[in-house]
Amino acid sequence: MITDTQRKNQILRRINRIPADKLKELDEFVSTLEQGVLPTSKKLAFAGAWRDIDDVVFKDLTTDLITNRQRSRRRIDE
């Protein structure tokens, strides 16, 4: 079984063998792989955001969510 570090080193060795005229194409490909991946710091920025939320507000946002959306939809449809 290959470790993540070994795999990264293997990829880096392969990148070093890529001709210079293909580097732009490689960079574009890597950019597409990175899209949608948030750095850990951005993901964790929201950690604990709901820690001190009021119980009534939490219930309104979770348990009563479907009911609230149905009520809102009726107003839009009318």
PDB file of N, CA and C in Angstrom:
ATOM      1  N   MET A   1       0.846  -1.183   0.000  1.00  0.00           N
ATOM      2  CA  MET A   1       0.000   0.000   0.000  1.00  0.00           C
ATOM      3  C   MET A   1       0.889   1.243   0.000  1.00  0.00           C
ATOM      4  N   ILE A   2       0.578   2.160  -0.862  1.00  0.00           N
ATOM      5  CA  ILE A   2       1.367   3.381  -1.009  1.00  0.00           C
ATOM      6  C   ILE A   2       0.777   4.482  -0.111  1.00  0.00           C
ATOM      7  N   THR A   3       1.635   5.210   0.573  1.00  0.00           N
ATOM      8  CA  THR A   3       1.167   6.285   1.454  1.00  0.00           C
ATOM      9  C   THR A   3       0.931   7.550   0.634  1.00  0.00           C
ATOM     10  N   ASP A   4       0.240   8.503   1.240  1.00  0.00           N
ATOM     11  CA  ASP A   4      -0.012   9.776   0.558  1.00  0.00           C
ATOM     12  C   ASP A   4       1.294  10.480   0.213  1.00  0.00           C
ATOM     13  N   THR A   5       2.234  10.451   1.129  1.00  0.00           N
ATOM     14  CA  THR A   5       3.527  11.104   0.902  1.00  0.00           C
ATOM     15  C   THR A   5       4.267  10.448  -0.258  1.00  0.00           C
ATOM     16  N   GLN A   6       4.247   9.122  -0.303  1.00  0.00           N
ATOM     17  CA  GLN A   6       4.897   8.418  -1.405  1.00  0.00           C
ATOM     18  C   GLN A   6       4.226   8.750  -2.734  1.00  0.00           C
ATOM     19  N   ARG A   7       2.893   8.809  -2.721  1.00  0.00           N
ATOM     20  CA  ARG A   7       2.160   9.130  -3.946  1.00  0.00           C
ATOM     21  C   ARG A   7       2.496  10.546  -4.415  1.00  0.00           C
ATOM     22  N   LYS A   8       2.545  11.503  -3.489  1.00  0.00           N
ATOM     23  CA  LYS A   8       2.891  12.883  -3.859  1.00  0.00           C
ATOM     24  C   LYS A   8       4.297  12.960  -4.438  1.00  0.00           C
ATOM     25  N   ASN A   9       5.234  12.248  -3.824  1.00  0.00           N
ATOM     26  CA  ASN A   9       6.612  12.242  -4.334  1.00  0.00           C
ATOM     27  C   ASN A   9       6.678  11.609  -5.719  1.00  0.00           C
ATOM     28  N   GLN A  10       5.898  10.558  -5.922  1.00  0.00           N
ATOM     29  CA  GLN A  10       5.842   9.913  -7.224  1.00  0.00           C
ATOM     30  C   GLN A  10       5.296  10.877  -8.284  1.00  0.00           C
ATOM     31  N   ILE A  11       4.247  11.605  -7.923  1.00  0.00           N
ATOM     32  CA  ILE A  11       3.653  12.580  -8.846  1.00  0.00           C
ATOM     33  C   ILE A  11       4.643  13.697  -9.157  1.00  0.00           C
ATOM     34  N   LEU A  12       5.337  14.182  -8.136  1.00  0.00           N
ATOM     35  CA  LEU A  12       6.329  15.244  -8.352  1.00  0.00           C
ATOM     36  C   LEU A  12       7.447  14.789  -9.289  1.00  0.00           C
ATOM     37  N   ARG A  13       7.887  13.543  -9.127  1.00  0.00           N
ATOM     38  CA  ARG A  13       8.920  13.015 -10.041  1.00  0.00           C
ATOM     39  C   ARG A  13       8.395  12.978 -11.478  1.00  0.00           C
ATOM     40  N   ARG A  14       7.152  12.579 -11.640  1.00  0.00           N
ATOM     41  CA  ARG A  14       6.558  12.531 -12.986  1.00  0.00           C
ATOM     42  C   ARG A  14       6.414  13.944 -13.560  1.00  0.00           C
ATOM     43  N   ILE A  15       6.038  14.902 -12.715  1.00  0.00           N
ATOM     44  CA  ILE A  15       5.900  16.297 -13.169  1.00  0.00           C
ATOM     45  C   ILE A  15       7.249  16.826 -13.656  1.00  0.00           C
ATOM     46  N   ASN A  16       8.310  16.483 -12.953  1.00  0.00           N
ATOM     47  CA  ASN A  16       9.647  16.945 -13.350  1.00  0.00           C
ATOM     48  C   ASN A  16      10.058  16.429 -14.721  1.00  0.00           C
ATOM     49  N   ARG A  17       9.453  15.340 -15.183  1.00  0.00           N
ATOM     50  CA  ARG A  17       9.779  14.781 -16.507  1.00  0.00           C
ATOM     51  C   ARG A  17       8.902  15.358 -17.625  1.00  0.00           C
ATOM     52  N   ILE A  18       7.906  16.152 -17.279  1.00  0.00           N
ATOM     53  CA  ILE A  18       7.000  16.712 -18.282  1.00  0.00           C
ATOM     54  C   ILE A  18       7.717  17.828 -19.050  1.00  0.00           C
ATOM     55  N   PRO A  19       7.606  17.817 -20.371  1.00  0.00           N
ATOM     56  CA  PRO A  19       8.246  18.870 -21.173  1.00  0.00           C
ATOM     57  C   PRO A  19       7.648  20.249 -20.867  1.00  0.00           C
ATOM     58  N   ALA A  20       8.453  21.282 -21.023  1.00  0.00           N
ATOM     59  CA  ALA A  20       8.049  22.652 -20.699  1.00  0.00           C
ATOM     60  C   ALA A  20       6.818  23.095 -21.475  1.00  0.00           C
ATOM     61  N   ASP A  21       6.653  22.612 -22.695  1.00  0.00           N
ATOM     62  CA  ASP A  21       5.515  23.042 -23.500  1.00  0.00           C
ATOM     63  C   ASP A  21       4.185  22.445 -23.006  1.00  0.00           C
ATOM     64  N   LYS A  22       4.234  21.499 -22.092  1.00  0.00           N
ATOM     65  CA  LYS A  22       3.017  20.887 -21.542  1.00  0.00           C
ATOM     66  C   LYS A  22       2.668  21.425 -20.141  1.00  0.00           C
ATOM     67  N   LEU A  23       3.526  22.281 -19.582  1.00  0.00           N
ATOM     68  CA  LEU A  23       3.306  22.763 -18.215  1.00  0.00           C
ATOM     69  C   LEU A  23       2.045  23.612 -18.070  1.00  0.00           C
ATOM     70  N   LYS A  24       1.737  24.414 -19.075  1.00  0.00           N
ATOM     71  CA  LYS A  24       0.530  25.233 -19.014  1.00  0.00           C
ATOM     72  C   LYS A  24      -0.707  24.329 -18.956  1.00  0.00           C
ATOM     73  N   GLU A  25      -0.726  23.302 -19.773  1.00  0.00           N
ATOM     74  CA  GLU A  25      -1.837  22.353 -19.789  1.00  0.00           C
ATOM     75  C   GLU A  25      -1.960  21.635 -18.432  1.00  0.00           C
ATOM     76  N   LEU A  26      -0.818  21.267 -17.863  1.00  0.00           N
ATOM     77  CA  LEU A  26      -0.817  20.620 -16.550  1.00  0.00           C
ATOM     78  C   LEU A  26      -1.359  21.571 -15.483  1.00  0.00           C
ATOM     79  N   ASP A  27      -0.933  22.827 -15.544  1.00  0.00           N
ATOM     80  CA  ASP A  27      -1.403  23.822 -14.579  1.00  0.00           C
ATOM     81  C   ASP A  27      -2.914  24.004 -14.669  1.00  0.00           C
ATOM     82  N   GLU A  28      -3.445  24.042 -15.868  1.00  0.00           N
ATOM     83  CA  GLU A  28      -4.891  24.173 -16.051  1.00  0.00           C
ATOM     84  C   GLU A  28      -5.631  22.956 -15.491  1.00  0.00           C
ATOM     85  N   PHE A  29      -5.064  21.768 -15.705  1.00  0.00           N
ATOM     86  CA  PHE A  29      -5.677  20.553 -15.182  1.00  0.00           C
ATOM     87  C   PHE A  29      -5.692  20.557 -13.653  1.00  0.00           C
ATOM     88  N   VAL A  30      -4.573  20.931 -13.056  1.00  0.00           N
ATOM     89  CA  VAL A  30      -4.495  20.985 -11.602  1.00  0.00           C
ATOM     90  C   VAL A  30      -5.485  22.015 -11.051  1.00  0.00           C
ATOM     91  N   SER A  31      -5.641  23.117 -11.752  1.00  0.00           N
ATOM     92  CA  SER A  31      -6.610  24.140 -11.340  1.00  0.00           C
ATOM     93  C   SER A  31      -8.026  23.581 -11.326  1.00  0.00           C
ATOM     94  N   THR A  32      -8.360  22.745 -12.312  1.00  0.00           N
ATOM     95  CA  THR A  32      -9.707  22.157 -12.325  1.00  0.00           C
ATOM     96  C   THR A  32      -9.891  21.192 -11.151  1.00  0.00           C
ATOM     97  N   LEU A  33      -8.830  20.508 -10.760  1.00  0.00           N
ATOM     98  CA  LEU A  33      -8.913  19.604  -9.607  1.00  0.00           C
ATOM     99  C   LEU A  33      -9.108  20.385  -8.302  1.00  0.00           C
ATOM    100  N   GLU A  34      -8.529  21.571  -8.244  1.00  0.00           N
ATOM    101  CA  GLU A  34      -8.616  22.385  -7.032  1.00  0.00           C
ATOM    102  C   GLU A  34      -9.965  23.067  -6.864  1.00  0.00           C
ATOM    103  N   GLN A  35     -10.701  23.242  -7.948  1.00  0.00           N
ATOM    104  CA  GLN A  35     -11.977  23.945  -7.868  1.00  0.00           C
ATOM    105  C   GLN A  35     -12.920  23.201  -6.931  1.00  0.00           C
ATOM    106  N   GLY A  36     -13.563  23.950  -6.080  1.00  0.00           N
ATOM    107  CA  GLY A  36     -14.519  23.362  -5.154  1.00  0.00           C
ATOM    108  C   GLY A  36     -13.903  22.820  -3.887  1.00  0.00           C
ATOM    109  N   VAL A  37     -12.594  22.869  -3.782  1.00  0.00           N
ATOM    110  CA  VAL A  37     -11.925  22.386  -2.580  1.00  0.00           C
ATOM    111  C   VAL A  37     -11.562  23.593  -1.725  1.00  0.00           C
ATOM    112  N   LEU A  38     -12.224  23.707  -0.573  1.00  0.00           N
ATOM    113  CA  LEU A  38     -11.914  24.810   0.332  1.00  0.00           C
ATOM    114  C   LEU A  38     -10.729  24.444   1.213  1.00  0.00           C
ATOM    115  N   PRO A  39      -9.842  25.385   1.432  1.00  0.00           N
ATOM    116  CA  PRO A  39      -8.775  25.118   2.395  1.00  0.00           C
ATOM    117  C   PRO A  39      -9.366  24.822   3.769  1.00  0.00           C
ATOM    118  N   THR A  40      -8.687  24.018   4.545  1.00  0.00           N
ATOM    119  CA  THR A  40      -9.188  23.611   5.851  1.00  0.00           C
ATOM    120  C   THR A  40      -9.531  24.806   6.725  1.00  0.00           C
ATOM    121  N   SER A  41      -8.742  25.870   6.654  1.00  0.00           N
ATOM    122  CA  SER A  41      -9.001  27.034   7.494  1.00  0.00           C
ATOM    123  C   SER A  41     -10.359  27.653   7.179  1.00  0.00           C
ATOM    124  N   LYS A  42     -10.761  27.651   5.905  1.00  0.00           N
ATOM    125  CA  LYS A  42     -12.059  28.206   5.540  1.00  0.00           C
ATOM    126  C   LYS A  42     -13.189  27.296   6.013  1.00  0.00           C
ATOM    127  N   LYS A  43     -12.993  25.989   5.925  1.00  0.00           N
ATOM    128  CA  LYS A  43     -14.007  25.047   6.391  1.00  0.00           C
ATOM    129  C   LYS A  43     -14.205  25.195   7.893  1.00  0.00           C
ATOM    130  N   LEU A  44     -13.122  25.307   8.605  1.00  0.00           N
ATOM    131  CA  LEU A  44     -13.196  25.369  10.054  1.00  0.00           C
ATOM    132  C   LEU A  44     -13.616  26.736  10.578  1.00  0.00           C
ATOM    133  N   ALA A  45     -13.675  27.720   9.708  1.00  0.00           N
ATOM    134  CA  ALA A  45     -14.078  29.057  10.129  1.00  0.00           C
ATOM    135  C   ALA A  45     -15.500  29.054  10.683  1.00  0.00           C
ATOM    136  N   PHE A  46     -16.320  28.094  10.262  1.00  0.00           N
ATOM    137  CA  PHE A  46     -17.702  28.017  10.717  1.00  0.00           C
ATOM    138  C   PHE A  46     -17.876  27.078  11.906  1.00  0.00           C
ATOM    139  N   ALA A  47     -16.813  26.427  12.321  1.00  0.00           N
ATOM    140  CA  ALA A  47     -16.911  25.484  13.441  1.00  0.00           C
ATOM    141  C   ALA A  47     -17.391  26.212  14.691  1.00  0.00           C
ATOM    142  N   GLY A  48     -18.414  25.661  15.314  1.00  0.00           N
ATOM    143  CA  GLY A  48     -18.949  26.235  16.539  1.00  0.00           C
ATOM    144  C   GLY A  48     -19.857  27.422  16.320  1.00  0.00           C
ATOM    145  N   ALA A  49     -20.191  27.736  15.081  1.00  0.00           N
ATOM    146  CA  ALA A  49     -21.014  28.908  14.796  1.00  0.00           C
ATOM    147  C   ALA A  49     -22.391  28.806  15.443  1.00  0.00           C
ATOM    148  N   TRP A  50     -22.911  27.590  15.596  1.00  0.00           N
ATOM    149  CA  TRP A  50     -24.242  27.402  16.173  1.00  0.00           C
ATOM    150  C   TRP A  50     -24.170  26.987  17.639  1.00  0.00           C
ATOM    151  N   ARG A  51     -23.018  27.049  18.234  1.00  0.00           N
ATOM    152  CA  ARG A  51     -22.819  26.581  19.604  1.00  0.00           C
ATOM    153  C   ARG A  51     -23.741  27.296  20.603  1.00  0.00           C
ATOM    154  N   ASP A  52     -23.898  28.591  20.472  1.00  0.00           N
ATOM    155  CA  ASP A  52     -24.685  29.374  21.431  1.00  0.00           C
ATOM    156  C   ASP A  52     -26.052  29.771  20.881  1.00  0.00           C
ATOM    157  N   ILE A  53     -26.543  29.043  19.902  1.00  0.00           N
ATOM    158  CA  ILE A  53     -27.817  29.407  19.290  1.00  0.00           C
ATOM    159  C   ILE A  53     -28.976  29.092  20.253  1.00  0.00           C
ATOM    160  N   ASP A  54     -29.940  29.971  20.258  1.00  0.00           N
ATOM    161  CA  ASP A  54     -31.116  29.812  21.108  1.00  0.00           C
ATOM    162  C   ASP A  54     -31.894  28.564  20.683  1.00  0.00           C
ATOM    163  N   ASP A  55     -32.444  27.803  21.641  1.00  0.00           N
ATOM    164  CA  ASP A  55     -33.175  26.568  21.340  1.00  0.00           C
ATOM    165  C   ASP A  55     -34.370  26.805  20.416  1.00  0.00           C
ATOM    166  N   VAL A  56     -35.071  27.904  20.606  1.00  0.00           N
ATOM    167  CA  VAL A  56     -36.242  28.211  19.782  1.00  0.00           C
ATOM    168  C   VAL A  56     -35.806  28.465  18.337  1.00  0.00           C
ATOM    169  N   VAL A  57     -34.732  29.218  18.169  1.00  0.00           N
ATOM    170  CA  VAL A  57     -34.216  29.512  16.834  1.00  0.00           C
ATOM    171  C   VAL A  57     -33.722  28.233  16.173  1.00  0.00           C
ATOM    172  N   PHE A  58     -33.022  27.391  16.930  1.00  0.00           N
ATOM    173  CA  PHE A  58     -32.524  26.131  16.378  1.00  0.00           C
ATOM    174  C   PHE A  58     -33.682  25.251  15.911  1.00  0.00           C
ATOM    175  N   LYS A  59     -34.733  25.161  16.714  1.00  0.00           N
ATOM    176  CA  LYS A  59     -35.908  24.365  16.341  1.00  0.00           C
ATOM    177  C   LYS A  59     -36.552  24.938  15.076  1.00  0.00           C
ATOM    178  N   ASP A  60     -36.610  26.254  15.005  1.00  0.00           N
ATOM    179  CA  ASP A  60     -37.209  26.903  13.839  1.00  0.00           C
ATOM    180  C   ASP A  60     -36.406  26.600  12.576  1.00  0.00           C
ATOM    181  N   LEU A  61     -35.080  26.524  12.697  1.00  0.00           N
ATOM    182  CA  LEU A  61     -34.214  26.277  11.544  1.00  0.00           C
ATOM    183  C   LEU A  61     -34.100  24.797  11.173  1.00  0.00           C
ATOM    184  N   THR A  62     -34.457  23.908  12.082  1.00  0.00           N
ATOM    185  CA  THR A  62     -34.306  22.480  11.806  1.00  0.00           C
ATOM    186  C   THR A  62     -35.643  21.761  11.767  1.00  0.00           C
ATOM    187  N   THR A  63     -36.251  21.564  12.905  1.00  0.00           N
ATOM    188  CA  THR A  63     -37.484  20.790  13.007  1.00  0.00           C
ATOM    189  C   THR A  63     -38.620  21.413  12.221  1.00  0.00           C
ATOM    190  N   ASP A  64     -38.775  22.721  12.321  1.00  0.00           N
ATOM    191  CA  ASP A  64     -39.892  23.411  11.671  1.00  0.00           C
ATOM    192  C   ASP A  64     -39.567  23.887  10.253  1.00  0.00           C
ATOM    193  N   LEU A  65     -38.422  23.509   9.731  1.00  0.00           N
ATOM    194  CA  LEU A  65     -37.980  24.005   8.433  1.00  0.00           C
ATOM    195  C   LEU A  65     -38.965  23.665   7.312  1.00  0.00           C
ATOM    196  N   ILE A  66     -39.394  22.425   7.251  1.00  0.00           N
ATOM    197  CA  ILE A  66     -40.300  22.004   6.172  1.00  0.00           C
ATOM    198  C   ILE A  66     -41.616  22.769   6.263  1.00  0.00           C
ATOM    199  N   THR A  67     -42.159  22.893   7.460  1.00  0.00           N
ATOM    200  CA  THR A  67     -43.415  23.624   7.647  1.00  0.00           C
ATOM    201  C   THR A  67     -43.251  25.078   7.233  1.00  0.00           C
ATOM    202  N   ASN A  68     -42.163  25.694   7.639  1.00  0.00           N
ATOM    203  CA  ASN A  68     -41.912  27.096   7.288  1.00  0.00           C
ATOM    204  C   ASN A  68     -41.781  27.277   5.780  1.00  0.00           C
ATOM    205  N   ARG A  69     -41.112  26.349   5.109  1.00  0.00           N
ATOM    206  CA  ARG A  69     -40.965  26.451   3.650  1.00  0.00           C
ATOM    207  C   ARG A  69     -42.313  26.279   2.954  1.00  0.00           C
ATOM    208  N   GLN A  70     -43.141  25.371   3.457  1.00  0.00           N
ATOM    209  CA  GLN A  70     -44.459  25.176   2.854  1.00  0.00           C
ATOM    210  C   GLN A  70     -45.310  26.429   3.017  1.00  0.00           C
ATOM    211  N   ARG A  71     -45.245  27.064   4.177  1.00  0.00           N
ATOM    212  CA  ARG A  71     -45.979  28.312   4.396  1.00  0.00           C
ATOM    213  C   ARG A  71     -45.503  29.391   3.430  1.00  0.00           C
ATOM    214  N   SER A  72     -44.213  29.511   3.256  1.00  0.00           N
ATOM    215  CA  SER A  72     -43.654  30.520   2.353  1.00  0.00           C
ATOM    216  C   SER A  72     -44.045  30.236   0.915  1.00  0.00           C
ATOM    217  N   ARG A  73     -44.067  28.984   0.522  1.00  0.00           N
ATOM    218  CA  ARG A  73     -44.425  28.618  -0.845  1.00  0.00           C
ATOM    219  C   ARG A  73     -45.867  29.004  -1.152  1.00  0.00           C
ATOM    220  N   ARG A  74     -46.753  28.799  -0.171  1.00  0.00           N
ATOM    221  CA  ARG A  74     -48.160  29.149  -0.386  1.00  0.00           C
ATOM    222  C   ARG A  74     -48.313  30.642  -0.662  1.00  0.00           C
ATOM    223  N   ARG A  75     -47.553  31.470   0.047  1.00  0.00           N
ATOM    224  CA  ARG A  75     -47.635  32.908  -0.179  1.00  0.00           C
ATOM    225  C   ARG A  75     -47.129  33.278  -1.563  1.00  0.00           C
ATOM    226  N   ILE A  76     -46.119  32.590  -2.040  1.00  0.00           N
ATOM    227  CA  ILE A  76     -45.563  32.877  -3.358  1.00  0.00           C
ATOM    228  C   ILE A  76     -46.537  32.447  -4.441  1.00  0.00           C
ATOM    229  N   ASP A  77     -47.173  31.277  -4.244  1.00  0.00           N
ATOM    230  CA  ASP A  77     -48.086  30.741  -5.252  1.00  0.00           C
ATOM    231  C   ASP A  77     -49.358  31.558  -5.372  1.00  0.00           C
ATOM    232  N   GLU A  78     -49.756  32.254  -4.305  1.00  0.00           N
ATOM    233  CA  GLU A  78     -51.039  32.972  -4.313  1.00  0.00           C
ATOM    234  C   GLU A  78     -51.019  34.197  -5.165  1.00  0.00           C
TER     235      GLU A  78
END
